[in-house]
Amino acid sequence: MKIVTKDFKVYEGEQVNLNKRPTIVSPVYESKEDYKRLLAKHTDQLSSLQQILYASNQYALLLIFQAMDAAGKDGVIKHVMSGINPQGCEVFSFKHPSATELEHDFLWRTYNCLPSRGRIGIFNRSYYEEVLIVKVHPEILQGEGLSDQFSNKKKIWKDRYHSIINMEKHLYKNDTRIIKFFLHISEEEQRKRFLARIDAPEKNWKFSLADIEERKFWKQYMKAYEACISATSTNESPWYIVPADDKENTRLLVSRILLETMKKLNLTYPKTDDSHEKELQSIREQLSAEK
């Protein structure tokens, strides 16, 4: 089955209804062997494109992954980026902000982790947590040291959406390309994966009572994601809502979206000018004379 990435893209101005977005679609692979073959093909292509991205030193690429617990963010990053040279890629996971981070604006701690030109940055959760978990749990705002002018809870989310959009537009104008993925898992599939974490000793560390407590806010999170994605998906930095109930399918969809985005950059290796060409020929002569 052909992967049509536009089916998962959220277009600027679109109002997202997650109930109408599938958490599972027909598999794009025919068997486990076919899945491995397709993923290997994708990762090989990504590896080649990353080398040119690094060598050309023109664009930076930022991948943002957001999802409910157990949607498979770690697995996607691990498998899709398996062929990437670690020297040209960094992964950041953002937990509860530190005391120092709370003394700054909500974008500060992630801004310090943005990729430089030629590199790929991956945010496993991101500044979007500030309009997701903080929106579901507005009491968190009390610890952020905001002044009274931000006491209007409805206005603060719109202000933060605008701040995010403006920052992403600024980054785009300075050659950082951003792809945002929401891995869309169903509540039932999350339940099954939570049970699997309990049954597998090597996965026990991933699970705690806090995860179950957050599950109780499922509907609130869905509304927060709908509002966030609707407000912040732009032509320059779009969101993709990727069905996540089938882990293998999810990885193939994400890798295809990433590939298409990188190919659109029309990356090329730097051209050698006359002076550098002469320098290389001089080096060749010196090396050849050593025989």
Protein backbone atom coordinates (compact mmCIF):
# COMPACT_ATOMS: atom_id res chain seq x y z
CA MET A 1 0.00 0.00 0.00
CA LYS A 2 1.37 3.43 -0.98
CA ILE A 3 1.96 5.92 1.82
CA VAL A 4 0.10 9.17 1.13
CA THR A 5 1.56 11.55 3.70
CA LYS A 6 -0.88 14.40 3.00
CA ASP A 7 -3.62 12.24 4.53
CA PHE A 8 -2.02 12.79 7.94
CA LYS A 9 -1.07 16.44 7.56
CA VAL A 10 -2.98 19.19 9.38
CA TYR A 11 -3.36 22.18 7.10
CA GLU A 12 -3.16 25.76 8.32
CA GLY A 13 -6.56 26.93 9.55
CA GLU A 14 -7.95 23.39 9.85
CA GLN A 15 -10.01 22.65 12.96
CA VAL A 16 -8.92 19.27 14.27
CA ASN A 17 -11.39 16.72 15.59
CA LEU A 18 -9.43 13.76 16.90
CA ASN A 19 -12.54 11.58 16.98
CA LYS A 20 -12.51 11.79 13.19
CA ARG A 21 -8.81 11.02 12.93
CA PRO A 22 -8.01 7.28 12.87
CA THR A 23 -5.71 5.67 15.41
CA ILE A 24 -5.15 2.77 13.02
CA VAL A 25 -5.15 2.49 9.23
CA SER A 26 -4.54 -0.31 6.75
CA PRO A 27 -0.92 -1.43 7.08
CA VAL A 28 1.50 -0.18 4.45
CA TYR A 29 3.51 -3.41 4.82
CA GLU A 30 2.47 -6.94 3.90
CA SER A 31 4.36 -8.88 6.57
CA LYS A 32 6.96 -8.48 9.32
CA GLU A 33 9.67 -9.18 6.76
CA ASP A 34 8.22 -6.56 4.42
CA TYR A 35 8.09 -4.06 7.30
CA LYS A 36 11.77 -4.64 8.08
CA ARG A 37 12.67 -4.26 4.40
CA LEU A 38 10.74 -1.00 4.03
CA LEU A 39 12.10 0.47 7.25
CA ALA A 40 15.66 -0.45 6.26
CA LYS A 41 15.11 1.24 2.89
CA HIS A 42 13.82 4.37 4.61
CA THR A 43 16.63 4.50 7.15
CA ASP A 44 19.26 4.06 4.41
CA GLN A 45 17.78 7.00 2.50
CA LEU A 46 17.60 9.09 5.66
CA SER A 47 21.24 8.32 6.39
CA SER A 48 22.28 9.52 2.93
CA LEU A 49 20.22 12.69 3.20
CA GLN A 50 21.59 13.40 6.67
CA GLN A 51 25.15 13.25 5.34
CA ILE A 52 24.30 15.90 2.73
CA LEU A 53 22.44 17.97 5.35
CA TYR A 54 25.54 17.91 7.54
CA ALA A 55 27.95 18.65 4.69
CA SER A 56 25.91 21.48 3.17
CA ASN A 57 25.52 23.15 6.58
CA GLN A 58 22.57 25.22 5.34
CA TYR A 59 19.48 23.88 7.09
CA ALA A 60 18.71 22.62 10.58
CA LEU A 61 15.93 20.08 11.09
CA LEU A 62 13.81 19.89 14.24
CA LEU A 63 11.50 16.93 14.85
CA ILE A 64 8.91 17.27 17.60
CA PHE A 65 7.10 14.25 19.01
CA GLN A 66 4.04 14.63 21.22
CA ALA A 67 1.68 11.90 22.35
CA MET A 68 -0.16 10.32 25.21
CA ASP A 69 1.81 7.83 27.30
CA ALA A 70 2.62 4.49 25.61
CA ALA A 71 1.99 5.85 22.10
CA GLY A 72 5.47 4.75 21.03
CA LYS A 73 7.53 7.95 20.81
CA ASP A 74 10.70 6.25 22.08
CA GLY A 75 10.27 3.36 19.66
CA VAL A 76 9.73 5.66 16.67
CA ILE A 77 12.85 7.67 17.50
CA LYS A 78 14.91 4.52 18.07
CA HIS A 79 13.88 2.69 14.90
CA VAL A 80 13.37 5.51 12.40
CA MET A 81 16.60 7.28 13.35
CA SER A 82 18.64 4.06 13.66
CA GLY A 83 20.74 4.85 10.58
CA ILE A 84 21.48 8.45 11.53
CA ASN A 85 25.05 9.41 12.43
CA PRO A 86 24.97 10.36 16.15
CA GLN A 87 27.45 13.17 15.47
CA GLY A 88 24.80 15.02 13.51
CA CYS A 89 21.79 14.37 15.71
CA GLU A 90 20.70 15.12 19.27
CA VAL A 91 17.65 13.95 21.23
CA PHE A 92 16.20 15.91 24.13
CA SER A 93 13.49 14.77 26.53
CA PHE A 94 11.83 17.46 28.59
CA LYS A 95 10.61 16.58 32.06
CA HIS A 96 9.30 18.85 34.81
CA PRO A 97 11.15 22.20 34.56
CA SER A 98 13.90 22.90 37.08
CA ALA A 99 13.95 25.88 39.44
CA THR A 100 16.30 27.71 37.08
CA GLU A 101 14.10 27.00 34.07
CA LEU A 102 11.03 28.31 35.90
CA GLU A 103 12.79 31.64 36.28
CA HIS A 104 12.62 32.12 32.49
CA ASP A 105 9.87 32.26 29.89
CA PHE A 106 8.25 28.97 28.91
CA LEU A 107 10.23 28.68 25.65
CA TRP A 108 13.66 29.30 27.13
CA ARG A 109 14.72 25.79 28.11
CA THR A 110 13.82 24.31 24.74
CA TYR A 111 15.28 27.21 22.77
CA ASN A 112 18.69 26.41 24.23
CA CYS A 113 18.43 22.92 22.72
CA LEU A 114 17.58 23.88 19.14
CA PRO A 115 19.76 22.23 16.45
CA SER A 116 22.42 24.23 14.65
CA ARG A 117 22.67 24.23 10.86
CA GLY A 118 23.59 20.87 9.43
CA ARG A 119 22.14 18.97 12.37
CA ILE A 120 18.93 17.18 13.32
CA GLY A 121 17.35 17.91 16.68
CA ILE A 122 14.67 15.68 18.18
CA PHE A 123 12.36 16.81 20.95
CA ASN A 124 10.72 13.92 22.80
CA ARG A 125 8.00 16.19 24.21
CA SER A 126 8.67 19.89 23.86
CA TYR A 127 7.55 23.44 24.55
CA TYR A 128 4.09 22.22 23.54
CA GLU A 129 3.79 20.67 27.00
CA GLU A 130 3.15 24.24 28.18
CA VAL A 131 -0.18 24.30 26.30
CA LEU A 132 -1.01 20.65 26.94
CA ILE A 133 -0.22 19.29 30.40
CA VAL A 134 -0.26 22.81 31.87
CA LYS A 135 -3.66 23.43 30.28
CA VAL A 136 -5.05 20.18 31.69
CA HIS A 137 -3.47 20.99 35.06
CA PRO A 138 -3.66 24.81 35.26
CA GLU A 139 -2.47 24.72 38.87
CA ILE A 140 1.03 24.25 37.41
CA LEU A 141 0.90 27.91 36.35
CA GLN A 142 1.14 28.92 40.00
CA GLY A 143 4.71 27.60 40.08
CA GLU A 144 5.79 29.49 36.97
CA GLY A 145 6.03 32.85 38.72
CA LEU A 146 3.77 34.71 36.29
CA SER A 147 2.50 38.16 37.15
CA ASP A 148 -1.15 39.02 37.73
CA GLN A 149 -1.59 40.10 34.12
CA PHE A 150 -1.60 36.42 33.18
CA SER A 151 -4.38 35.50 35.58
CA ASN A 152 -6.84 35.21 32.67
CA LYS A 153 -6.58 31.47 32.01
CA LYS A 154 -8.37 31.61 28.65
CA LYS A 155 -6.16 34.36 27.25
CA ILE A 156 -2.88 32.79 28.32
CA TRP A 157 -3.31 29.80 25.99
CA LYS A 158 -3.97 32.03 22.98
CA ASP A 159 -0.94 34.12 23.93
CA ARG A 160 1.23 31.01 24.17
CA TYR A 161 0.00 29.72 20.82
CA HIS A 162 1.02 33.06 19.28
CA SER A 163 4.41 32.92 20.98
CA ILE A 164 5.02 29.42 19.60
CA ILE A 165 3.92 30.36 16.08
CA ASN A 166 6.10 33.47 16.09
CA MET A 167 9.12 31.52 17.30
CA GLU A 168 8.63 28.80 14.68
CA LYS A 169 8.24 31.41 11.94
CA HIS A 170 11.46 33.07 13.11
CA LEU A 171 13.25 29.71 13.00
CA TYR A 172 11.87 28.99 9.52
CA LYS A 173 13.17 32.33 8.24
CA ASN A 174 16.58 31.32 9.60
CA ASP A 175 16.58 27.93 7.82
CA THR A 176 15.35 25.63 10.59
CA ARG A 177 12.69 23.28 9.27
CA ILE A 178 10.26 21.88 11.84
CA ILE A 179 8.12 18.75 11.55
CA LYS A 180 5.66 18.07 14.36
CA PHE A 181 4.23 14.61 14.99
CA PHE A 182 1.28 13.74 17.19
CA LEU A 183 1.20 9.96 17.61
CA HIS A 184 -2.51 9.28 17.88
CA ILE A 185 -3.17 6.24 20.07
CA SER A 186 -6.58 5.00 21.17
CA GLU A 187 -7.55 4.77 24.82
CA GLU A 188 -8.03 1.00 24.48
CA GLU A 189 -4.61 0.47 22.91
CA GLN A 190 -3.01 2.49 25.69
CA ARG A 191 -4.74 0.21 28.22
CA LYS A 192 -3.30 -2.86 26.50
CA ARG A 193 0.21 -1.40 26.42
CA PHE A 194 0.02 -0.42 30.08
CA LEU A 195 -0.87 -4.02 30.94
CA ALA A 196 2.00 -5.25 28.80
CA ARG A 197 4.39 -3.02 30.74
CA ILE A 198 3.24 -4.61 33.97
CA ASP A 199 3.64 -8.14 32.58
CA ALA A 200 7.15 -7.51 31.20
CA PRO A 201 9.71 -7.03 34.02
CA GLU A 202 12.09 -5.14 31.73
CA LYS A 203 9.34 -2.56 31.14
CA ASN A 204 8.20 -2.10 34.74
CA TRP A 205 10.41 0.96 35.13
CA LYS A 206 8.33 2.75 32.49
CA PHE A 207 5.13 2.53 34.48
CA SER A 208 3.85 4.08 37.68
CA LEU A 209 0.66 5.10 39.42
CA ALA A 210 1.13 8.62 38.01
CA ASP A 211 0.53 7.23 34.50
CA ILE A 212 -2.83 5.85 35.57
CA GLU A 213 -3.74 9.16 37.18
CA GLU A 214 -3.03 11.01 33.94
CA ARG A 215 -5.15 8.50 32.01
CA LYS A 216 -8.18 9.77 33.96
CA PHE A 217 -7.77 13.09 32.12
CA TRP A 218 -7.97 11.51 28.66
CA LYS A 219 -10.86 13.65 27.38
CA GLN A 220 -9.25 16.84 28.66
CA TYR A 221 -6.00 15.94 26.92
CA MET A 222 -7.79 15.25 23.64
CA LYS A 223 -9.42 18.68 23.79
CA ALA A 224 -6.08 20.30 24.62
CA TYR A 225 -4.41 18.54 21.67
CA GLU A 226 -7.22 19.52 19.32
CA ALA A 227 -6.96 23.18 20.30
CA CYS A 228 -3.16 23.18 20.21
CA ILE A 229 -2.76 21.45 16.85
CA SER A 230 -5.53 23.53 15.25
CA ALA A 231 -3.90 26.75 16.44
CA THR A 232 -0.26 25.94 15.64
CA SER A 233 -0.16 23.88 12.45
CA THR A 234 1.18 26.20 9.75
CA ASN A 235 2.28 25.83 6.16
CA GLU A 236 5.89 26.28 7.23
CA SER A 237 5.80 24.05 10.34
CA PRO A 238 2.94 21.57 9.99
CA TRP A 239 1.58 18.98 12.38
CA TYR A 240 1.08 15.38 11.27
CA ILE A 241 -1.42 13.25 13.15
CA VAL A 242 -0.03 9.74 12.76
CA PRO A 243 -2.13 6.68 13.71
CA ALA A 244 -0.24 4.92 16.51
CA ASP A 245 -2.14 1.75 17.36
CA ASP A 246 0.10 -0.24 14.97
CA LYS A 247 3.72 0.47 15.99
CA GLU A 248 5.30 -0.81 12.77
CA ASN A 249 2.92 1.22 10.62
CA THR A 250 3.60 4.32 12.71
CA ARG A 251 7.34 4.04 12.15
CA LEU A 252 6.95 3.66 8.39
CA LEU A 253 4.60 6.64 8.18
CA VAL A 254 6.89 8.88 10.23
CA SER A 255 9.97 7.87 8.24
CA ARG A 256 8.18 8.56 4.94
CA ILE A 257 7.03 12.02 6.10
CA LEU A 258 10.58 12.79 7.21
CA LEU A 259 12.03 11.59 3.91
CA GLU A 260 9.65 13.69 1.84
CA THR A 261 10.41 16.78 3.90
CA MET A 262 14.17 16.36 3.54
CA LYS A 263 13.93 15.71 -0.20
CA LYS A 264 12.06 19.00 -0.65
CA LEU A 265 15.12 20.84 0.68
CA ASN A 266 16.96 19.88 -2.53
CA LEU A 267 20.15 19.26 -0.59
CA THR A 268 23.48 19.07 -2.42
CA TYR A 269 27.08 18.64 -1.37
CA PRO A 270 29.05 21.91 -1.31
CA LYS A 271 30.73 22.78 -4.60
CA THR A 272 34.51 23.05 -4.67
CA ASP A 273 35.82 26.41 -5.88
CA ASP A 274 38.97 26.86 -7.99
CA SER A 275 41.27 27.64 -5.06
CA HIS A 276 40.15 24.58 -3.13
CA GLU A 277 40.47 22.43 -6.26
CA LYS A 278 44.09 23.60 -6.67
CA GLU A 279 44.73 22.87 -3.01
CA LEU A 280 43.39 19.32 -3.43
CA GLN A 281 45.55 18.74 -6.49
CA SER A 282 48.61 19.93 -4.54
CA ILE A 283 47.78 17.48 -1.75
CA ARG A 284 47.37 14.70 -4.33
CA GLU A 285 50.83 15.43 -5.74
CA GLN A 286 52.39 15.35 -2.28
CA LEU A 287 50.72 12.06 -1.40
CA SER A 288 51.60 10.51 -4.76
CA ALA A 289 55.25 11.54 -4.30
CA GLU A 290 55.45 9.48 -1.12
CA LYS A 291 55.38 6.20 -3.05
